[in-house]
Amino acid sequence: MNLIERITHNPSVMGGKPCIRGMRVTVGMILGLIASGHSSKEILESYPYLEVDDINAAAAYGAMLAQGYEVELVGA
């Protein structure tokens, strides 16, 4: 699975914000945790249903947006 395929978009989930694999975990929440200094290990301990690739996907998605790329998301 391509990392970006882990990022989904559904208008009825979390107000349509990009989420991880259709769950109620937003990319913004994960990026906020990373920006606050939380390690991947800490994030995974707090959210055991996430996987390392979910965190990597959020970071990759954020990087693509920061570089001005348009990213088409999978519906969930």
Protein backbone atom coordinates (compact mmCIF):
# COMPACT_ATOMS: atom_id res chain seq x y z
CA MET A 1 0.00 0.00 0.00
CA ASN A 2 1.24 3.46 -0.91
CA LEU A 3 1.57 5.57 2.24
CA ILE A 4 -0.73 8.28 0.91
CA GLU A 5 -3.48 5.67 0.38
CA ARG A 6 -3.67 5.49 4.19
CA ILE A 7 -5.02 9.05 4.20
CA THR A 8 -8.75 9.13 3.57
CA HIS A 9 -11.38 11.79 3.14
CA ASN A 10 -15.03 11.44 4.05
CA PRO A 11 -17.26 14.49 4.54
CA SER A 12 -19.16 12.66 7.32
CA VAL A 13 -16.04 11.78 9.34
CA MET A 14 -14.34 14.51 11.37
CA GLY A 15 -15.90 17.24 9.26
CA GLY A 16 -14.18 16.02 6.11
CA LYS A 17 -10.66 16.50 7.43
CA PRO A 18 -8.01 14.10 6.14
CA CYS A 19 -7.99 11.05 8.41
CA ILE A 20 -6.00 7.88 8.87
CA ARG A 21 -7.61 4.84 7.24
CA GLY A 22 -11.14 6.13 7.72
CA MET A 23 -10.74 6.38 11.49
CA ARG A 24 -11.53 9.43 13.57
CA VAL A 25 -7.82 10.26 13.79
CA THR A 26 -6.90 13.30 11.71
CA VAL A 27 -3.64 13.94 9.94
CA GLY A 28 -3.56 17.30 11.71
CA MET A 29 -3.71 15.63 15.12
CA ILE A 30 -0.78 13.39 14.30
CA LEU A 31 1.25 16.26 12.85
CA GLY A 32 0.45 18.33 15.94
CA LEU A 33 1.75 15.57 18.20
CA ILE A 34 4.94 15.29 16.15
CA ALA A 35 5.39 19.08 16.20
CA SER A 36 4.95 19.04 20.00
CA GLY A 37 7.88 16.67 20.30
CA HIS A 38 6.10 13.35 20.70
CA SER A 39 7.96 10.40 19.25
CA SER A 40 6.37 7.80 17.02
CA LYS A 41 6.70 5.36 19.92
CA GLU A 42 4.76 7.67 22.23
CA ILE A 43 2.04 8.21 19.64
CA LEU A 44 1.68 4.47 19.08
CA GLU A 45 1.47 3.86 22.82
CA SER A 46 -1.30 6.47 23.14
CA TYR A 47 -3.15 5.26 20.04
CA PRO A 48 -2.48 1.49 19.82
CA TYR A 49 -4.76 1.07 16.80
CA LEU A 50 -2.35 3.17 14.71
CA GLU A 51 0.62 1.75 12.85
CA VAL A 52 4.04 3.24 12.12
CA ASP A 53 3.05 3.61 8.48
CA ASP A 54 0.07 5.74 9.56
CA ILE A 55 2.41 8.23 11.22
CA ASN A 56 4.73 8.17 8.21
CA ALA A 57 1.75 8.72 5.91
CA ALA A 58 0.63 11.76 7.89
CA ALA A 59 4.14 13.23 7.71
CA ALA A 60 4.38 12.51 3.98
CA TYR A 61 0.98 14.08 3.34
CA GLY A 62 1.92 17.18 5.32
CA ALA A 63 5.20 17.49 3.44
CA MET A 64 3.47 17.21 0.08
CA LEU A 65 0.98 19.93 1.01
CA ALA A 66 3.78 22.19 2.29
CA GLN A 67 5.51 21.81 -1.07
CA GLY A 68 2.38 22.90 -2.89
CA TYR A 69 1.34 19.54 -4.29
CA GLU A 70 -2.32 18.71 -4.69
CA VAL A 71 -3.03 15.32 -3.22
CA GLU A 72 -6.09 13.35 -4.24
CA LEU A 73 -7.39 11.34 -1.30
CA VAL A 74 -9.23 8.04 -1.21
CA GLY A 75 -12.80 8.16 0.08
CA ALA A 76 -13.53 6.16 3.19
